[in-house]
Amino acid sequence: MLNVLTERQIEEAVKPVGSPVEISRMKLWLEEKVKAGRKSPVAEVVTLTPVLAQLLLERNPVNRPIGKYNMETLRSDISGSRFMFNGESLVVSDTGILIDGQHRCSTVIETRQSIQTVIVCGPKEDARFTIDIGKPKTAANFLHMKGGVDTNNLAATIGLLIQYANTGTLVYGSVRATKTQIVEGFERFRGVEASVEAVHGATKMKLGSRSALAFCHYTFKRKAGAEAADNFIQKLIDGDGLRKGDPIYHTRDRLLKLDRGARAESRIEIVFKGWNAWRRDESVSNIRSNGKIPKVER
């Protein structure tokens, strides 16, 4: 079935980024900055509007391909009002070529939302080959700077919690949490560090990633309290005193039989189903999987 666009959607899709007067004024301003930069590099804090973004992209003849993940991340943060001015600059060479900033410009045009940034005019065009050659900071790096511990697992756990809270699912390929969202989630999901610590032995026992089980522990803790969550997860990891019929026994058995490359959502589905059966005090013969993560019961 063909998708039918409404008149409003069509109007928005073809709507120009600015009026002729605004475009003309901004084009003149940009030309003056490029001209000044030829004498000596200049920098200025500006509002990157869709008009300015479009004019800059017209000066972008050769650049790296647009990265889908970069665009998704920027789109999410700008649309969600999480984009923060941090002094990172757009760079225009002494020849008038945009050499850094195409993702930000493209996202501003797509979202029709302006952002505050710095624009630098004047570096040599060959300077583009020295930009972004260092290792970028990860979400785990940012959490470490905020005082977090075991931050690789912590960042992955917060990412799962955000994805689940926003979409109700953990299907692979759905929109992932941005670095900004994960850093904000450090404050939002109070107690998540304790959940990461509670599953310390999971990887050693070959039960899967710590982040998947920490996600489960945190979710159970919010539903039924820390004591119940600790009890379930500790028995799942240790396996001490478990017998056939016990939901934790069969949850553990299924996790141990999964391929090492099994995705987090598959493991979480099994753990959620084991938890629900355990909370209902049911005796089970196995934990079946249908690819759908159930709601967590108290």
C-alpha atoms as a PDB file:
ATOM      1  CA  MET A   1       0.000   0.000   0.000  1.00  0.00           C
ATOM      2  CA  LEU A   2       1.375   3.416  -0.957  1.00  0.00           C
ATOM      3  CA  ASN A   3       1.983   6.000   1.730  1.00  0.00           C
ATOM      4  CA  VAL A   4      -0.166   9.065   1.104  1.00  0.00           C
ATOM      5  CA  LEU A   5       1.256  12.393   2.287  1.00  0.00           C
ATOM      6  CA  THR A   6      -1.074  15.042   3.620  1.00  0.00           C
ATOM      7  CA  GLU A   7      -1.020  18.546   2.151  1.00  0.00           C
ATOM      8  CA  ARG A   8       0.678  19.796   5.325  1.00  0.00           C
ATOM      9  CA  GLN A   9       3.411  17.131   5.070  1.00  0.00           C
ATOM     10  CA  ILE A  10       4.043  18.037   1.443  1.00  0.00           C
ATOM     11  CA  GLU A  11       4.156  21.738   2.338  1.00  0.00           C
ATOM     12  CA  GLU A  12       6.687  21.099   5.122  1.00  0.00           C
ATOM     13  CA  ALA A  13       8.834  18.913   2.859  1.00  0.00           C
ATOM     14  CA  VAL A  14       9.226  21.587   0.188  1.00  0.00           C
ATOM     15  CA  LYS A  15       9.134  24.609   2.484  1.00  0.00           C
ATOM     16  CA  PRO A  16      12.219  26.798   1.896  1.00  0.00           C
ATOM     17  CA  VAL A  17      14.605  27.197   4.799  1.00  0.00           C
ATOM     18  CA  GLY A  18      14.214  30.980   4.852  1.00  0.00           C
ATOM     19  CA  SER A  19      12.922  34.058   3.097  1.00  0.00           C
ATOM     20  CA  PRO A  20      14.872  35.608   0.175  1.00  0.00           C
ATOM     21  CA  VAL A  21      15.742  38.589   2.380  1.00  0.00           C
ATOM     22  CA  GLU A  22      17.108  36.368   5.176  1.00  0.00           C
ATOM     23  CA  ILE A  23      19.086  34.243   2.726  1.00  0.00           C
ATOM     24  CA  SER A  24      20.585  37.331   1.062  1.00  0.00           C
ATOM     25  CA  ARG A  25      21.518  38.912   4.399  1.00  0.00           C
ATOM     26  CA  MET A  26      23.079  35.708   5.734  1.00  0.00           C
ATOM     27  CA  LYS A  27      24.978  35.095   2.496  1.00  0.00           C
ATOM     28  CA  LEU A  28      26.516  38.573   2.724  1.00  0.00           C
ATOM     29  CA  TRP A  29      27.452  38.025   6.387  1.00  0.00           C
ATOM     30  CA  LEU A  30      29.124  34.704   5.574  1.00  0.00           C
ATOM     31  CA  GLU A  31      31.070  36.174   2.648  1.00  0.00           C
ATOM     32  CA  GLU A  32      32.418  38.895   4.941  1.00  0.00           C
ATOM     33  CA  LYS A  33      33.536  36.313   7.527  1.00  0.00           C
ATOM     34  CA  VAL A  34      35.283  34.200   4.879  1.00  0.00           C
ATOM     35  CA  LYS A  35      37.008  37.303   3.494  1.00  0.00           C
ATOM     36  CA  ALA A  36      38.173  38.358   6.958  1.00  0.00           C
ATOM     37  CA  GLY A  37      39.428  34.837   7.652  1.00  0.00           C
ATOM     38  CA  ARG A  38      41.767  34.976   4.668  1.00  0.00           C
ATOM     39  CA  LYS A  39      43.779  37.663   6.466  1.00  0.00           C
ATOM     40  CA  SER A  40      43.699  36.063   9.892  1.00  0.00           C
ATOM     41  CA  PRO A  41      41.480  33.319  11.361  1.00  0.00           C
ATOM     42  CA  VAL A  42      38.329  34.654  13.047  1.00  0.00           C
ATOM     43  CA  ALA A  43      35.910  32.975  15.449  1.00  0.00           C
ATOM     44  CA  GLU A  44      32.423  33.989  16.528  1.00  0.00           C
ATOM     45  CA  VAL A  45      29.593  32.500  18.560  1.00  0.00           C
ATOM     46  CA  VAL A  46      26.562  32.314  16.266  1.00  0.00           C
ATOM     47  CA  THR A  47      23.092  30.888  16.019  1.00  0.00           C
ATOM     48  CA  LEU A  48      23.207  28.153  13.397  1.00  0.00           C
ATOM     49  CA  THR A  49      19.866  28.641  11.679  1.00  0.00           C
ATOM     50  CA  PRO A  50      18.552  26.457   8.846  1.00  0.00           C
ATOM     51  CA  VAL A  51      19.438  29.303   6.446  1.00  0.00           C
ATOM     52  CA  LEU A  52      23.067  29.512   7.603  1.00  0.00           C
ATOM     53  CA  ALA A  53      23.303  25.715   7.672  1.00  0.00           C
ATOM     54  CA  GLN A  54      22.135  25.513   4.058  1.00  0.00           C
ATOM     55  CA  LEU A  55      24.616  28.160   2.922  1.00  0.00           C
ATOM     56  CA  LEU A  56      27.443  26.316   4.671  1.00  0.00           C
ATOM     57  CA  LEU A  57      26.482  22.997   3.076  1.00  0.00           C
ATOM     58  CA  GLU A  58      26.600  24.675  -0.326  1.00  0.00           C
ATOM     59  CA  ARG A  59      30.301  25.187   0.494  1.00  0.00           C
ATOM     60  CA  ASN A  60      30.798  21.472   1.175  1.00  0.00           C
ATOM     61  CA  PRO A  61      31.802  19.909  -2.180  1.00  0.00           C
ATOM     62  CA  VAL A  62      34.008  17.093  -0.870  1.00  0.00           C
ATOM     63  CA  ASN A  63      33.562  15.584   2.580  1.00  0.00           C
ATOM     64  CA  ARG A  64      33.101  12.223   4.250  1.00  0.00           C
ATOM     65  CA  PRO A  65      29.747  10.474   3.710  1.00  0.00           C
ATOM     66  CA  ILE A  66      26.962  11.432   6.099  1.00  0.00           C
ATOM     67  CA  GLY A  67      26.947   8.930   8.978  1.00  0.00           C
ATOM     68  CA  LYS A  68      23.513   7.502   9.814  1.00  0.00           C
ATOM     69  CA  TYR A  69      24.299   7.049  13.510  1.00  0.00           C
ATOM     70  CA  ASN A  70      25.726  10.576  13.823  1.00  0.00           C
ATOM     71  CA  MET A  71      22.596  11.990  12.231  1.00  0.00           C
ATOM     72  CA  GLU A  72      20.278   9.918  14.448  1.00  0.00           C
ATOM     73  CA  THR A  73      22.158  11.011  17.558  1.00  0.00           C
ATOM     74  CA  LEU A  74      22.114  14.702  16.659  1.00  0.00           C
ATOM     75  CA  ARG A  75      18.492  14.554  15.552  1.00  0.00           C
ATOM     76  CA  SER A  76      17.487  12.972  18.865  1.00  0.00           C
ATOM     77  CA  ASP A  77      19.444  15.446  21.009  1.00  0.00           C
ATOM     78  CA  ILE A  78      18.400  18.564  19.069  1.00  0.00           C
ATOM     79  CA  SER A  79      14.733  17.526  18.878  1.00  0.00           C
ATOM     80  CA  GLY A  80      14.772  16.576  22.563  1.00  0.00           C
ATOM     81  CA  SER A  81      16.373  19.919  23.584  1.00  0.00           C
ATOM     82  CA  ARG A  82      19.438  18.071  24.899  1.00  0.00           C
ATOM     83  CA  PHE A  83      21.945  19.647  22.511  1.00  0.00           C
ATOM     84  CA  MET A  84      24.220  21.858  24.596  1.00  0.00           C
ATOM     85  CA  PHE A  85      26.613  24.587  23.517  1.00  0.00           C
ATOM     86  CA  ASN A  86      30.100  23.294  24.317  1.00  0.00           C
ATOM     87  CA  GLY A  87      32.401  25.478  22.245  1.00  0.00           C
ATOM     88  CA  GLU A  88      32.875  22.910  19.495  1.00  0.00           C
ATOM     89  CA  SER A  89      33.142  24.807  16.237  1.00  0.00           C
ATOM     90  CA  LEU A  90      32.067  24.708  12.638  1.00  0.00           C
ATOM     91  CA  VAL A  91      35.125  25.330  10.469  1.00  0.00           C
ATOM     92  CA  VAL A  92      35.296  27.134   7.121  1.00  0.00           C
ATOM     93  CA  SER A  93      38.654  27.186   5.321  1.00  0.00           C
ATOM     94  CA  ASP A  94      40.471  30.218   3.913  1.00  0.00           C
ATOM     95  CA  THR A  95      39.155  29.082   0.512  1.00  0.00           C
ATOM     96  CA  GLY A  96      35.569  29.250   1.752  1.00  0.00           C
ATOM     97  CA  ILE A  97      35.058  25.474   2.048  1.00  0.00           C
ATOM     98  CA  LEU A  98      33.217  23.901   4.998  1.00  0.00           C
ATOM     99  CA  ILE A  99      35.726  21.466   6.475  1.00  0.00           C
ATOM    100  CA  ASP A 100      33.945  20.497   9.697  1.00  0.00           C
ATOM    101  CA  GLY A 101      30.284  20.586  10.691  1.00  0.00           C
ATOM    102  CA  GLN A 102      28.254  18.957   7.921  1.00  0.00           C
ATOM    103  CA  HIS A 103      26.342  16.659  10.287  1.00  0.00           C
ATOM    104  CA  ARG A 104      25.267  19.555  12.504  1.00  0.00           C
ATOM    105  CA  CYS A 105      24.266  21.630   9.491  1.00  0.00           C
ATOM    106  CA  SER A 106      22.295  18.757   7.947  1.00  0.00           C
ATOM    107  CA  THR A 107      20.473  18.045  11.206  1.00  0.00           C
ATOM    108  CA  VAL A 108      19.554  21.708  11.765  1.00  0.00           C
ATOM    109  CA  ILE A 109      18.023  21.785   8.282  1.00  0.00           C
ATOM    110  CA  GLU A 110      16.176  18.504   8.820  1.00  0.00           C
ATOM    111  CA  THR A 111      14.764  19.412  12.242  1.00  0.00           C
ATOM    112  CA  ARG A 112      14.254  23.119  11.388  1.00  0.00           C
ATOM    113  CA  GLN A 113      15.673  23.897  14.836  1.00  0.00           C
ATOM    114  CA  SER A 114      18.508  26.370  15.381  1.00  0.00           C
ATOM    115  CA  ILE A 115      21.432  25.729  17.728  1.00  0.00           C
ATOM    116  CA  GLN A 116      24.133  27.915  19.236  1.00  0.00           C
ATOM    117  CA  THR A 117      27.668  27.141  18.085  1.00  0.00           C
ATOM    118  CA  VAL A 118      31.026  28.659  17.190  1.00  0.00           C
ATOM    119  CA  ILE A 119      32.059  29.272  13.605  1.00  0.00           C
ATOM    120  CA  VAL A 120      35.739  29.603  12.747  1.00  0.00           C
ATOM    121  CA  CYS A 121      36.823  30.993   9.373  1.00  0.00           C
ATOM    122  CA  GLY A 122      40.377  30.974   8.067  1.00  0.00           C
ATOM    123  CA  PRO A 123      42.177  27.639   8.621  1.00  0.00           C
ATOM    124  CA  LYS A 124      43.942  26.150   5.617  1.00  0.00           C
ATOM    125  CA  GLU A 125      41.806  23.778   3.558  1.00  0.00           C
ATOM    126  CA  ASP A 126      44.272  20.944   4.189  1.00  0.00           C
ATOM    127  CA  ALA A 127      43.525  21.292   7.913  1.00  0.00           C
ATOM    128  CA  ARG A 128      40.488  19.056   7.289  1.00  0.00           C
ATOM    129  CA  PHE A 129      42.882  16.089   7.371  1.00  0.00           C
ATOM    130  CA  THR A 130      43.779  16.863  10.994  1.00  0.00           C
ATOM    131  CA  ILE A 131      40.189  17.045  12.300  1.00  0.00           C
ATOM    132  CA  ASP A 132      38.624  14.164  14.285  1.00  0.00           C
ATOM    133  CA  ILE A 133      41.754  12.025  14.164  1.00  0.00           C
ATOM    134  CA  GLY A 134      41.772  11.450  17.925  1.00  0.00           C
ATOM    135  CA  LYS A 135      39.693   8.847  19.729  1.00  0.00           C
ATOM    136  CA  PRO A 136      36.251  10.296  20.575  1.00  0.00           C
ATOM    137  CA  LYS A 137      34.999  10.155  24.158  1.00  0.00           C
ATOM    138  CA  THR A 138      32.530   7.379  24.843  1.00  0.00           C
ATOM    139  CA  ALA A 139      29.496   7.490  27.128  1.00  0.00           C
ATOM    140  CA  ALA A 140      31.556   5.387  29.566  1.00  0.00           C
ATOM    141  CA  ASN A 141      34.278   8.068  29.542  1.00  0.00           C
ATOM    142  CA  PHE A 142      31.714  10.741  30.433  1.00  0.00           C
ATOM    143  CA  LEU A 143      30.272   8.616  33.267  1.00  0.00           C
ATOM    144  CA  HIS A 144      33.786   8.118  34.646  1.00  0.00           C
ATOM    145  CA  MET A 145      34.218  11.900  34.651  1.00  0.00           C
ATOM    146  CA  LYS A 146      31.016  12.119  36.722  1.00  0.00           C
ATOM    147  CA  GLY A 147      32.379   9.666  39.294  1.00  0.00           C
ATOM    148  CA  GLY A 148      30.857   6.440  38.006  1.00  0.00           C
ATOM    149  CA  VAL A 149      32.538   3.042  38.382  1.00  0.00           C
ATOM    150  CA  ASP A 150      32.582   0.051  36.003  1.00  0.00           C
ATOM    151  CA  THR A 151      31.405   2.594  33.467  1.00  0.00           C
ATOM    152  CA  ASN A 152      31.393   0.386  30.371  1.00  0.00           C
ATOM    153  CA  ASN A 153      28.747  -1.866  31.912  1.00  0.00           C
ATOM    154  CA  LEU A 154      27.082   1.108  33.569  1.00  0.00           C
ATOM    155  CA  ALA A 155      26.708   2.967  30.259  1.00  0.00           C
ATOM    156  CA  ALA A 156      25.365  -0.143  28.509  1.00  0.00           C
ATOM    157  CA  THR A 157      22.831  -0.734  31.305  1.00  0.00           C
ATOM    158  CA  ILE A 158      21.586   2.854  31.251  1.00  0.00           C
ATOM    159  CA  GLY A 159      21.305   2.630  27.465  1.00  0.00           C
ATOM    160  CA  LEU A 160      19.018  -0.407  27.800  1.00  0.00           C
ATOM    161  CA  LEU A 161      16.920   1.309  30.480  1.00  0.00           C
ATOM    162  CA  ILE A 162      16.448   4.402  28.296  1.00  0.00           C
ATOM    163  CA  GLN A 163      15.566   2.377  25.213  1.00  0.00           C
ATOM    164  CA  TYR A 164      13.036   0.305  27.182  1.00  0.00           C
ATOM    165  CA  ALA A 165      11.523   3.363  28.876  1.00  0.00           C
ATOM    166  CA  ASN A 166      11.166   5.210  25.557  1.00  0.00           C
ATOM    167  CA  THR A 167       9.978   2.385  23.315  1.00  0.00           C
ATOM    168  CA  GLY A 168       8.778  -0.444  25.560  1.00  0.00           C
ATOM    169  CA  THR A 169      11.082  -2.805  23.661  1.00  0.00           C
ATOM    170  CA  LEU A 170      14.718  -3.718  23.224  1.00  0.00           C
ATOM    171  CA  VAL A 171      14.544  -4.909  19.639  1.00  0.00           C
ATOM    172  CA  TYR A 172      17.945  -4.755  17.971  1.00  0.00           C
ATOM    173  CA  GLY A 173      18.164  -1.914  15.456  1.00  0.00           C
ATOM    174  CA  SER A 174      15.657   0.390  17.157  1.00  0.00           C
ATOM    175  CA  VAL A 175      16.806   3.885  18.089  1.00  0.00           C
ATOM    176  CA  ARG A 176      19.630   3.708  20.596  1.00  0.00           C
ATOM    177  CA  ALA A 177      20.215   6.111  23.456  1.00  0.00           C
ATOM    178  CA  THR A 178      22.593   8.962  22.685  1.00  0.00           C
ATOM    179  CA  LYS A 179      25.650   9.727  24.790  1.00  0.00           C
ATOM    180  CA  THR A 180      23.871  12.778  26.175  1.00  0.00           C
ATOM    181  CA  GLN A 181      20.861  10.691  27.204  1.00  0.00           C
ATOM    182  CA  ILE A 182      23.113   8.131  28.908  1.00  0.00           C
ATOM    183  CA  VAL A 183      24.926  10.826  30.890  1.00  0.00           C
ATOM    184  CA  GLU A 184      21.570  12.297  31.936  1.00  0.00           C
ATOM    185  CA  GLY A 185      20.396   8.776  32.791  1.00  0.00           C
ATOM    186  CA  PHE A 186      23.137   8.515  35.423  1.00  0.00           C
ATOM    187  CA  GLU A 187      21.044  10.903  37.529  1.00  0.00           C
ATOM    188  CA  ARG A 188      17.657   9.721  36.259  1.00  0.00           C
ATOM    189  CA  PHE A 189      18.085   6.024  37.151  1.00  0.00           C
ATOM    190  CA  ARG A 190      19.123   6.283  40.767  1.00  0.00           C
ATOM    191  CA  GLY A 191      20.547   3.039  42.105  1.00  0.00           C
ATOM    192  CA  VAL A 192      21.607   1.646  38.745  1.00  0.00           C
ATOM    193  CA  GLU A 193      25.252   1.378  39.900  1.00  0.00           C
ATOM    194  CA  ALA A 194      24.138  -0.969  42.664  1.00  0.00           C
ATOM    195  CA  SER A 195      22.411  -3.142  40.060  1.00  0.00           C
ATOM    196  CA  VAL A 196      25.588  -3.328  37.979  1.00  0.00           C
ATOM    197  CA  GLU A 197      27.504  -4.370  41.099  1.00  0.00           C
ATOM    198  CA  ALA A 198      24.819  -6.960  42.013  1.00  0.00           C
ATOM    199  CA  VAL A 199      25.482  -8.953  38.827  1.00  0.00           C
ATOM    200  CA  HIS A 200      29.270  -8.964  39.212  1.00  0.00           C
ATOM    201  CA  GLY A 201      29.664 -12.707  38.648  1.00  0.00           C
ATOM    202  CA  ALA A 202      27.311 -13.067  35.673  1.00  0.00           C
ATOM    203  CA  THR A 203      29.932 -13.031  32.921  1.00  0.00           C
ATOM    204  CA  LYS A 204      32.211 -15.457  34.761  1.00  0.00           C
ATOM    205  CA  MET A 205      29.310 -17.906  35.058  1.00  0.00           C
ATOM    206  CA  LYS A 206      28.610 -17.527  31.307  1.00  0.00           C
ATOM    207  CA  LEU A 207      25.110 -16.135  31.840  1.00  0.00           C
ATOM    208  CA  GLY A 208      25.594 -13.284  29.357  1.00  0.00           C
ATOM    209  CA  SER A 209      26.466  -9.629  29.602  1.00  0.00           C
ATOM    210  CA  ARG A 210      26.424  -7.852  32.930  1.00  0.00           C
ATOM    211  CA  SER A 211      24.453  -5.001  31.387  1.00  0.00           C
ATOM    212  CA  ALA A 212      21.520  -7.269  30.438  1.00  0.00           C
ATOM    213  CA  LEU A 213      21.286  -8.760  33.927  1.00  0.00           C
ATOM    214  CA  ALA A 214      21.849  -5.383  35.583  1.00  0.00           C
ATOM    215  CA  PHE A 215      18.945  -4.054  33.518  1.00  0.00           C
ATOM    216  CA  CYS A 216      16.810  -6.937  34.820  1.00  0.00           C
ATOM    217  CA  HIS A 217      17.924  -6.417  38.435  1.00  0.00           C
ATOM    218  CA  TYR A 218      17.158  -2.707  38.307  1.00  0.00           C
ATOM    219  CA  THR A 219      13.722  -3.350  36.748  1.00  0.00           C
ATOM    220  CA  PHE A 220      12.875  -6.000  39.353  1.00  0.00           C
ATOM    221  CA  LYS A 221      14.097  -3.736  42.162  1.00  0.00           C
ATOM    222  CA  ARG A 222      11.797  -0.955  41.006  1.00  0.00           C
ATOM    223  CA  LYS A 223       8.861  -3.366  40.879  1.00  0.00           C
ATOM    224  CA  ALA A 224       9.296  -5.502  43.978  1.00  0.00           C
ATOM    225  CA  GLY A 225      12.106  -4.006  46.049  1.00  0.00           C
ATOM    226  CA  ALA A 226      15.814  -4.635  46.440  1.00  0.00           C
ATOM    227  CA  GLU A 227      15.496  -7.749  48.616  1.00  0.00           C
ATOM    228  CA  ALA A 228      13.460  -9.694  46.061  1.00  0.00           C
ATOM    229  CA  ALA A 229      15.649  -8.534  43.166  1.00  0.00           C
ATOM    230  CA  ASP A 230      18.850  -9.439  45.031  1.00  0.00           C
ATOM    231  CA  ASN A 231      17.469 -12.857  45.998  1.00  0.00           C
ATOM    232  CA  PHE A 232      16.439 -13.783  42.449  1.00  0.00           C
ATOM    233  CA  ILE A 233      19.597 -12.535  40.736  1.00  0.00           C
ATOM    234  CA  GLN A 234      21.982 -14.047  43.309  1.00  0.00           C
ATOM    235  CA  LYS A 235      20.362 -17.473  42.968  1.00  0.00           C
ATOM    236  CA  LEU A 236      20.441 -17.110  39.189  1.00  0.00           C
ATOM    237  CA  ILE A 237      24.180 -16.375  39.223  1.00  0.00           C
ATOM    238  CA  ASP A 238      25.254 -18.858  41.917  1.00  0.00           C
ATOM    239  CA  GLY A 239      22.880 -21.696  41.044  1.00  0.00           C
ATOM    240  CA  ASP A 240      23.152 -22.987  44.625  1.00  0.00           C
ATOM    241  CA  GLY A 241      20.359 -25.267  45.858  1.00  0.00           C
ATOM    242  CA  LEU A 242      18.267 -24.998  42.691  1.00  0.00           C
ATOM    243  CA  ARG A 243      16.129 -27.937  41.601  1.00  0.00           C
ATOM    244  CA  LYS A 244      14.138 -28.831  38.524  1.00  0.00           C
ATOM    245  CA  GLY A 245      10.741 -27.151  38.648  1.00  0.00           C
ATOM    246  CA  ASP A 246      12.218 -23.984  40.145  1.00  0.00           C
ATOM    247  CA  PRO A 247      11.790 -21.110  37.630  1.00  0.00           C
ATOM    248  CA  ILE A 248      15.274 -19.817  38.496  1.00  0.00           C
ATOM    249  CA  TYR A 249      16.780 -23.231  37.713  1.00  0.00           C
ATOM    250  CA  HIS A 250      15.189 -23.294  34.260  1.00  0.00           C
ATOM    251  CA  THR A 251      16.012 -19.627  33.605  1.00  0.00           C
ATOM    252  CA  ARG A 252      19.641 -20.356  34.367  1.00  0.00           C
ATOM    253  CA  ASP A 253      19.599 -23.490  32.252  1.00  0.00           C
ATOM    254  CA  ARG A 254      18.233 -21.594  29.228  1.00  0.00           C
ATOM    255  CA  LEU A 255      20.775 -18.797  29.587  1.00  0.00           C
ATOM    256  CA  LEU A 256      23.649 -21.288  29.747  1.00  0.00           C
ATOM    257  CA  LYS A 257      22.445 -22.982  26.556  1.00  0.00           C
ATOM    258  CA  LEU A 258      22.192 -19.771  24.535  1.00  0.00           C
ATOM    259  CA  ASP A 259      24.873 -19.025  21.974  1.00  0.00           C
ATOM    260  CA  ARG A 260      27.503 -16.578  23.153  1.00  0.00           C
ATOM    261  CA  GLY A 261      26.320 -14.117  20.495  1.00  0.00           C
ATOM    262  CA  ALA A 262      22.668 -14.131  21.630  1.00  0.00           C
ATOM    263  CA  ARG A 263      21.310 -10.591  21.807  1.00  0.00           C
ATOM    264  CA  ALA A 264      20.469  -8.827  25.054  1.00  0.00           C
ATOM    265  CA  GLU A 265      16.739  -8.804  24.324  1.00  0.00           C
ATOM    266  CA  SER A 266      16.691 -12.621  24.045  1.00  0.00           C
ATOM    267  CA  ARG A 267      18.379 -13.020  27.425  1.00  0.00           C
ATOM    268  CA  ILE A 268      16.177 -10.402  29.054  1.00  0.00           C
ATOM    269  CA  GLU A 269      13.013 -12.091  27.761  1.00  0.00           C
ATOM    270  CA  ILE A 270      14.063 -15.361  29.415  1.00  0.00           C
ATOM    271  CA  VAL A 271      14.980 -13.675  32.710  1.00  0.00           C
ATOM    272  CA  PHE A 272      11.720 -11.692  32.795  1.00  0.00           C
ATOM    273  CA  LYS A 273       9.690 -14.875  32.229  1.00  0.00           C
ATOM    274  CA  GLY A 274      11.634 -16.692  34.932  1.00  0.00           C
ATOM    275  CA  TRP A 275      11.073 -13.808  37.355  1.00  0.00           C
ATOM    276  CA  ASN A 276       7.316 -13.735  36.687  1.00  0.00           C
ATOM    277  CA  ALA A 277       6.997 -17.492  37.271  1.00  0.00           C
ATOM    278  CA  TRP A 278       9.121 -17.222  40.425  1.00  0.00           C
ATOM    279  CA  ARG A 279       7.007 -14.379  41.795  1.00  0.00           C
ATOM    280  CA  ARG A 280       3.865 -16.425  41.129  1.00  0.00           C
ATOM    281  CA  ASP A 281       5.521 -19.336  42.981  1.00  0.00           C
ATOM    282  CA  GLU A 282       4.933 -21.581  39.976  1.00  0.00           C
ATOM    283  CA  SER A 283       6.650 -24.873  39.240  1.00  0.00           C
ATOM    284  CA  VAL A 284       7.788 -25.009  35.612  1.00  0.00           C
ATOM    285  CA  SER A 285       9.436 -27.549  33.333  1.00  0.00           C
ATOM    286  CA  ASN A 286      11.152 -25.000  31.091  1.00  0.00           C
ATOM    287  CA  ILE A 287      11.205 -21.333  30.116  1.00  0.00           C
ATOM    288  CA  ARG A 288       9.859 -20.881  26.621  1.00  0.00           C
ATOM    289  CA  SER A 289      10.794 -18.009  24.338  1.00  0.00           C
ATOM    290  CA  ASN A 290       8.621 -16.349  21.676  1.00  0.00           C
ATOM    291  CA  GLY A 291      10.703 -13.252  20.974  1.00  0.00           C
ATOM    292  CA  LYS A 292       8.556 -10.907  23.082  1.00  0.00           C
ATOM    293  CA  ILE A 293       9.656  -9.397  26.372  1.00  0.00           C
ATOM    294  CA  PRO A 294       6.761  -9.674  28.865  1.00  0.00           C
ATOM    295  CA  LYS A 295       5.741  -7.085  31.409  1.00  0.00           C
ATOM    296  CA  VAL A 296       7.370  -7.526  34.791  1.00  0.00           C
ATOM    297  CA  GLU A 297       5.095  -8.722  37.570  1.00  0.00           C
ATOM    298  CA  ARG A 298       5.399  -7.828  41.218  1.00  0.00           C
END
